Amino acid sequence: MDSEELTPSSSSGVSTSGLTTVLDLAQCEEELVGKIKVTHRLPEMVTHGAQRIRTIVLEI
């Protein structure tokens, strides 16, 4: 993959290249703080594991 193919969007935290979409969860997390209402309690193992995840790659 050439670096010119990768075009990050500074406003949304989303980068695209061909059929791959990369979401920067660290940036999205800051925007969502205070907007999420907790309706149930998740097991600690799930919540601690989710905190380590920072990037999701979606193949479209």
PDB file of N, CA and C in Angstrom:
ATOM      1  N   MET A   1       0.847  -1.184   0.000  1.00  0.00           N
ATOM      2  CA  MET A   1       0.000   0.000   0.000  1.00  0.00           C
ATOM      3  C   MET A   1       0.886   1.238   0.000  1.00  0.00           C
ATOM      4  N   ASP A   2       0.627   2.141  -0.917  1.00  0.00           N
ATOM      5  CA  ASP A   2       1.356   3.404  -0.956  1.00  0.00           C
ATOM      6  C   ASP A   2       0.812   4.339   0.101  1.00  0.00           C
ATOM      7  N   SER A   3       1.699   5.184   0.661  1.00  0.00           N
ATOM      8  CA  SER A   3       1.247   6.122   1.687  1.00  0.00           C
ATOM      9  C   SER A   3       0.265   7.142   1.124  1.00  0.00           C
ATOM     10  N   GLU A   4       0.305   7.392  -0.175  1.00  0.00           N
ATOM     11  CA  GLU A   4      -0.627   8.343  -0.778  1.00  0.00           C
ATOM     12  C   GLU A   4      -2.055   7.810  -0.805  1.00  0.00           C
ATOM     13  N   GLU A   5      -2.214   6.483  -0.749  1.00  0.00           N
ATOM     14  CA  GLU A   5      -3.548   5.894  -0.761  1.00  0.00           C
ATOM     15  C   GLU A   5      -4.274   6.123   0.559  1.00  0.00           C
ATOM     16  N   LEU A   6      -3.533   6.267   1.641  1.00  0.00           N
ATOM     17  CA  LEU A   6      -4.108   6.431   2.966  1.00  0.00           C
ATOM     18  C   LEU A   6      -4.433   7.894   3.199  1.00  0.00           C
ATOM     19  N   THR A   7      -5.702   8.197   3.372  1.00  0.00           N
ATOM     20  CA  THR A   7      -6.134   9.585   3.517  1.00  0.00           C
ATOM     21  C   THR A   7      -6.860   9.768   4.844  1.00  0.00           C
ATOM     22  N   PRO A   8      -6.175  10.188   5.903  1.00  0.00           N
ATOM     23  CA  PRO A   8      -6.852  10.373   7.188  1.00  0.00           C
ATOM     24  C   PRO A   8      -7.751  11.603   7.185  1.00  0.00           C
ATOM     25  N   SER A   9      -8.835  11.513   7.877  1.00  0.00           N
ATOM     26  CA  SER A   9      -9.744  12.641   8.020  1.00  0.00           C
ATOM     27  C   SER A   9      -9.541  13.231   9.407  1.00  0.00           C
ATOM     28  N   SER A  10      -9.014  14.422   9.475  1.00  0.00           N
ATOM     29  CA  SER A  10      -8.693  15.021  10.766  1.00  0.00           C
ATOM     30  C   SER A  10      -9.935  15.353  11.574  1.00  0.00           C
ATOM     31  N   SER A  11     -11.065  15.557  10.919  1.00  0.00           N
ATOM     32  CA  SER A  11     -12.271  15.930  11.654  1.00  0.00           C
ATOM     33  C   SER A  11     -13.015  14.735  12.235  1.00  0.00           C
ATOM     34  N   SER A  12     -12.916  13.570  11.619  1.00  0.00           N
ATOM     35  CA  SER A  12     -13.703  12.434  12.089  1.00  0.00           C
ATOM     36  C   SER A  12     -12.880  11.329  12.717  1.00  0.00           C
ATOM     37  N   GLY A  13     -11.561  11.331  12.555  1.00  0.00           N
ATOM     38  CA  GLY A  13     -10.746  10.255  13.086  1.00  0.00           C
ATOM     39  C   GLY A  13     -10.854   8.981  12.272  1.00  0.00           C
ATOM     40  N   VAL A  14     -11.325   9.086  11.025  1.00  0.00           N
ATOM     41  CA  VAL A  14     -11.491   7.922  10.165  1.00  0.00           C
ATOM     42  C   VAL A  14     -10.527   8.014   8.996  1.00  0.00           C
ATOM     43  N   SER A  15      -9.813   6.922   8.728  1.00  0.00           N
ATOM     44  CA  SER A  15      -8.902   6.856   7.590  1.00  0.00           C
ATOM     45  C   SER A  15      -9.415   5.786   6.638  1.00  0.00           C
ATOM     46  N   THR A  16      -9.248   6.015   5.342  1.00  0.00           N
ATOM     47  CA  THR A  16      -9.666   5.004   4.380  1.00  0.00           C
ATOM     48  C   THR A  16      -8.558   4.724   3.388  1.00  0.00           C
ATOM     49  N   SER A  17      -8.495   3.485   2.960  1.00  0.00           N
ATOM     50  CA  SER A  17      -7.541   3.075   1.942  1.00  0.00           C
ATOM     51  C   SER A  17      -8.147   1.893   1.210  1.00  0.00           C
ATOM     52  N   GLY A  18      -8.517   2.076  -0.035  1.00  0.00           N
ATOM     53  CA  GLY A  18      -9.142   0.994  -0.784  1.00  0.00           C
ATOM     54  C   GLY A  18     -10.425   0.555  -0.104  1.00  0.00           C
ATOM     55  N   LEU A  19     -10.465  -0.722   0.293  1.00  0.00           N
ATOM     56  CA  LEU A  19     -11.653  -1.262   0.936  1.00  0.00           C
ATOM     57  C   LEU A  19     -11.501  -1.369   2.451  1.00  0.00           C
ATOM     58  N   THR A  20     -10.462  -0.763   3.017  1.00  0.00           N
ATOM     59  CA  THR A  20     -10.214  -0.858   4.451  1.00  0.00           C
ATOM     60  C   THR A  20     -10.538   0.460   5.129  1.00  0.00           C
ATOM     61  N   THR A  21     -11.288   0.397   6.222  1.00  0.00           N
ATOM     62  CA  THR A  21     -11.612   1.577   7.008  1.00  0.00           C
ATOM     63  C   THR A  21     -11.042   1.395   8.406  1.00  0.00           C
ATOM     64  N   VAL A  22     -10.297   2.388   8.890  1.00  0.00           N
ATOM     65  CA  VAL A  22      -9.698   2.327  10.222  1.00  0.00           C
ATOM     66  C   VAL A  22     -10.332   3.402  11.085  1.00  0.00           C
ATOM     67  N   LEU A  23     -10.869   3.002  12.228  1.00  0.00           N
ATOM     68  CA  LEU A  23     -11.474   3.947  13.154  1.00  0.00           C
ATOM     69  C   LEU A  23     -10.538   4.146  14.339  1.00  0.00           C
ATOM     70  N   ASP A  24     -10.216   5.374  14.643  1.00  0.00           N
ATOM     71  CA  ASP A  24      -9.378   5.680  15.792  1.00  0.00           C
ATOM     72  C   ASP A  24     -10.285   5.847  17.002  1.00  0.00           C
ATOM     73  N   LEU A  25     -10.377   4.791  17.829  1.00  0.00           N
ATOM     74  CA  LEU A  25     -11.293   4.814  18.962  1.00  0.00           C
ATOM     75  C   LEU A  25     -10.842   5.759  20.059  1.00  0.00           C
ATOM     76  N   ALA A  26      -9.549   6.010  20.155  1.00  0.00           N
ATOM     77  CA  ALA A  26      -9.070   6.937  21.176  1.00  0.00           C
ATOM     78  C   ALA A  26      -9.647   8.324  20.943  1.00  0.00           C
ATOM     79  N   GLN A  27      -9.713   8.766  19.700  1.00  0.00           N
ATOM     80  CA  GLN A  27     -10.261  10.080  19.384  1.00  0.00           C
ATOM     81  C   GLN A  27     -11.776  10.081  19.554  1.00  0.00           C
ATOM     82  N   CYS A  28     -12.438   9.021  19.122  1.00  0.00           N
ATOM     83  CA  CYS A  28     -13.890   8.929  19.242  1.00  0.00           C
ATOM     84  C   CYS A  28     -14.316   8.890  20.702  1.00  0.00           C
ATOM     85  N   GLU A  29     -13.507   8.240  21.547  1.00  0.00           N
ATOM     86  CA  GLU A  29     -13.833   8.109  22.963  1.00  0.00           C
ATOM     87  C   GLU A  29     -13.973   9.476  23.623  1.00  0.00           C
ATOM     88  N   GLU A  30     -13.093  10.407  23.301  1.00  0.00           N
ATOM     89  CA  GLU A  30     -13.146  11.745  23.883  1.00  0.00           C
ATOM     90  C   GLU A  30     -14.444  12.454  23.514  1.00  0.00           C
ATOM     91  N   GLU A  31     -14.935  12.234  22.299  1.00  0.00           N
ATOM     92  CA  GLU A  31     -16.161  12.877  21.841  1.00  0.00           C
ATOM     93  C   GLU A  31     -17.399  12.282  22.515  1.00  0.00           C
ATOM     94  N   LEU A  32     -17.309  11.008  22.939  1.00  0.00           N
ATOM     95  CA  LEU A  32     -18.467  10.322  23.501  1.00  0.00           C
ATOM     96  C   LEU A  32     -18.581  10.432  25.019  1.00  0.00           C
ATOM     97  N   VAL A  33     -17.525  10.883  25.694  1.00  0.00           N
ATOM     98  CA  VAL A  33     -17.557  10.970  27.152  1.00  0.00           C
ATOM     99  C   VAL A  33     -18.708  11.879  27.571  1.00  0.00           C
ATOM    100  N   GLY A  34     -19.530  11.399  28.473  1.00  0.00           N
ATOM    101  CA  GLY A  34     -20.661  12.182  28.953  1.00  0.00           C
ATOM    102  C   GLY A  34     -21.923  12.032  28.127  1.00  0.00           C
ATOM    103  N   LYS A  35     -21.843  11.390  26.960  1.00  0.00           N
ATOM    104  CA  LYS A  35     -23.015  11.238  26.099  1.00  0.00           C
ATOM    105  C   LYS A  35     -23.645   9.847  26.219  1.00  0.00           C
ATOM    106  N   ILE A  36     -22.941   8.922  26.891  1.00  0.00           N
ATOM    107  CA  ILE A  36     -23.409   7.545  26.977  1.00  0.00           C
ATOM    108  C   ILE A  36     -24.072   7.311  28.328  1.00  0.00           C
ATOM    109  N   LYS A  37     -25.292   6.804  28.313  1.00  0.00           N
ATOM    110  CA  LYS A  37     -26.015   6.473  29.532  1.00  0.00           C
ATOM    111  C   LYS A  37     -25.873   4.970  29.763  1.00  0.00           C
ATOM    112  N   VAL A  38     -25.360   4.588  30.923  1.00  0.00           N
ATOM    113  CA  VAL A  38     -25.168   3.177  31.244  1.00  0.00           C
ATOM    114  C   VAL A  38     -26.497   2.600  31.710  1.00  0.00           C
ATOM    115  N   THR A  39     -26.958   1.558  31.023  1.00  0.00           N
ATOM    116  CA  THR A  39     -28.238   0.949  31.383  1.00  0.00           C
ATOM    117  C   THR A  39     -28.063  -0.399  32.069  1.00  0.00           C
ATOM    118  N   HIS A  40     -26.883  -0.980  32.005  1.00  0.00           N
ATOM    119  CA  HIS A  40     -26.610  -2.244  32.688  1.00  0.00           C
ATOM    120  C   HIS A  40     -25.125  -2.315  32.999  1.00  0.00           C
ATOM    121  N   ARG A  41     -24.759  -3.232  33.867  1.00  0.00           N
ATOM    122  CA  ARG A  41     -23.360  -3.374  34.282  1.00  0.00           C
ATOM    123  C   ARG A  41     -22.729  -4.553  33.538  1.00  0.00           C
ATOM    124  N   LEU A  42     -21.598  -4.309  32.899  1.00  0.00           N
ATOM    125  CA  LEU A  42     -20.872  -5.360  32.187  1.00  0.00           C
ATOM    126  C   LEU A  42     -19.871  -6.023  33.131  1.00  0.00           C
ATOM    127  N   PRO A  43     -19.557  -7.297  32.910  1.00  0.00           N
ATOM    128  CA  PRO A  43     -18.526  -7.954  33.722  1.00  0.00           C
ATOM    129  C   PRO A  43     -17.191  -7.219  33.598  1.00  0.00           C
ATOM    130  N   GLU A  44     -16.410  -7.218  34.679  1.00  0.00           N
ATOM    131  CA  GLU A  44     -15.133  -6.496  34.685  1.00  0.00           C
ATOM    132  C   GLU A  44     -14.197  -6.975  33.590  1.00  0.00           C
ATOM    133  N   MET A  45     -14.196  -8.278  33.294  1.00  0.00           N
ATOM    134  CA  MET A  45     -13.314  -8.814  32.261  1.00  0.00           C
ATOM    135  C   MET A  45     -13.605  -8.149  30.913  1.00  0.00           C
ATOM    136  N   VAL A  46     -14.860  -7.932  30.601  1.00  0.00           N
ATOM    137  CA  VAL A  46     -15.237  -7.319  29.327  1.00  0.00           C
ATOM    138  C   VAL A  46     -14.819  -5.856  29.293  1.00  0.00           C
ATOM    139  N   THR A  47     -15.093  -5.110  30.365  1.00  0.00           N
ATOM    140  CA  THR A  47     -14.774  -3.684  30.365  1.00  0.00           C
ATOM    141  C   THR A  47     -13.275  -3.438  30.361  1.00  0.00           C
ATOM    142  N   HIS A  48     -12.499  -4.250  31.095  1.00  0.00           N
ATOM    143  CA  HIS A  48     -11.043  -4.067  31.095  1.00  0.00           C
ATOM    144  C   HIS A  48     -10.449  -4.425  29.737  1.00  0.00           C
ATOM    145  N   GLY A  49     -10.973  -5.460  29.098  1.00  0.00           N
ATOM    146  CA  GLY A  49     -10.496  -5.844  27.772  1.00  0.00           C
ATOM    147  C   GLY A  49     -10.800  -4.777  26.739  1.00  0.00           C
ATOM    148  N   ALA A  50     -11.964  -4.154  26.840  1.00  0.00           N
ATOM    149  CA  ALA A  50     -12.352  -3.115  25.885  1.00  0.00           C
ATOM    150  C   ALA A  50     -11.485  -1.876  26.016  1.00  0.00           C
ATOM    151  N   GLN A  51     -10.979  -1.592  27.204  1.00  0.00           N
ATOM    152  CA  GLN A  51     -10.136  -0.417  27.404  1.00  0.00           C
ATOM    153  C   GLN A  51      -8.809  -0.543  26.664  1.00  0.00           C
ATOM    154  N   ARG A  52      -8.354  -1.770  26.413  1.00  0.00           N
ATOM    155  CA  ARG A  52      -7.080  -1.973  25.712  1.00  0.00           C
ATOM    156  C   ARG A  52      -7.228  -1.807  24.203  1.00  0.00           C
ATOM    157  N   ILE A  53      -8.446  -1.913  23.683  1.00  0.00           N
ATOM    158  CA  ILE A  53      -8.674  -1.809  22.237  1.00  0.00           C
ATOM    159  C   ILE A  53      -8.711  -0.339  21.844  1.00  0.00           C
ATOM    160  N   ARG A  54      -7.890   0.060  20.900  1.00  0.00           N
ATOM    161  CA  ARG A  54      -7.831   1.451  20.458  1.00  0.00           C
ATOM    162  C   ARG A  54      -8.167   1.612  18.987  1.00  0.00           C
ATOM    163  N   THR A  55      -8.036   0.563  18.189  1.00  0.00           N
ATOM    164  CA  THR A  55      -8.258   0.675  16.752  1.00  0.00           C
ATOM    165  C   THR A  55      -9.042  -0.531  16.248  1.00  0.00           C
ATOM    166  N   ILE A  56     -10.018  -0.283  15.393  1.00  0.00           N
ATOM    167  CA  ILE A  56     -10.774  -1.345  14.744  1.00  0.00           C
ATOM    168  C   ILE A  56     -10.559  -1.205  13.238  1.00  0.00           C
ATOM    169  N   VAL A  57     -10.274  -2.319  12.580  1.00  0.00           N
ATOM    170  CA  VAL A  57     -10.113  -2.316  11.127  1.00  0.00           C
ATOM    171  C   VAL A  57     -11.305  -3.054  10.536  1.00  0.00           C
ATOM    172  N   LEU A  58     -12.058  -2.376   9.693  1.00  0.00           N
ATOM    173  CA  LEU A  58     -13.224  -2.963   9.042  1.00  0.00           C
ATOM    174  C   LEU A  58     -12.904  -3.232   7.580  1.00  0.00           C
ATOM    175  N   GLU A  59     -13.078  -4.473   7.155  1.00  0.00           N
ATOM    176  CA  GLU A  59     -12.903  -4.825   5.745  1.00  0.00           C
ATOM    177  C   GLU A  59     -14.273  -4.735   5.092  1.00  0.00           C
ATOM    178  N   ILE A  60     -14.426  -3.862   4.107  1.00  0.00           N
ATOM    179  CA  ILE A  60     -15.722  -3.656   3.452  1.00  0.00           C
ATOM    180  C   ILE A  60     -15.719  -4.333   2.098  1.00  0.00           C
TER     181      ILE A  60
END
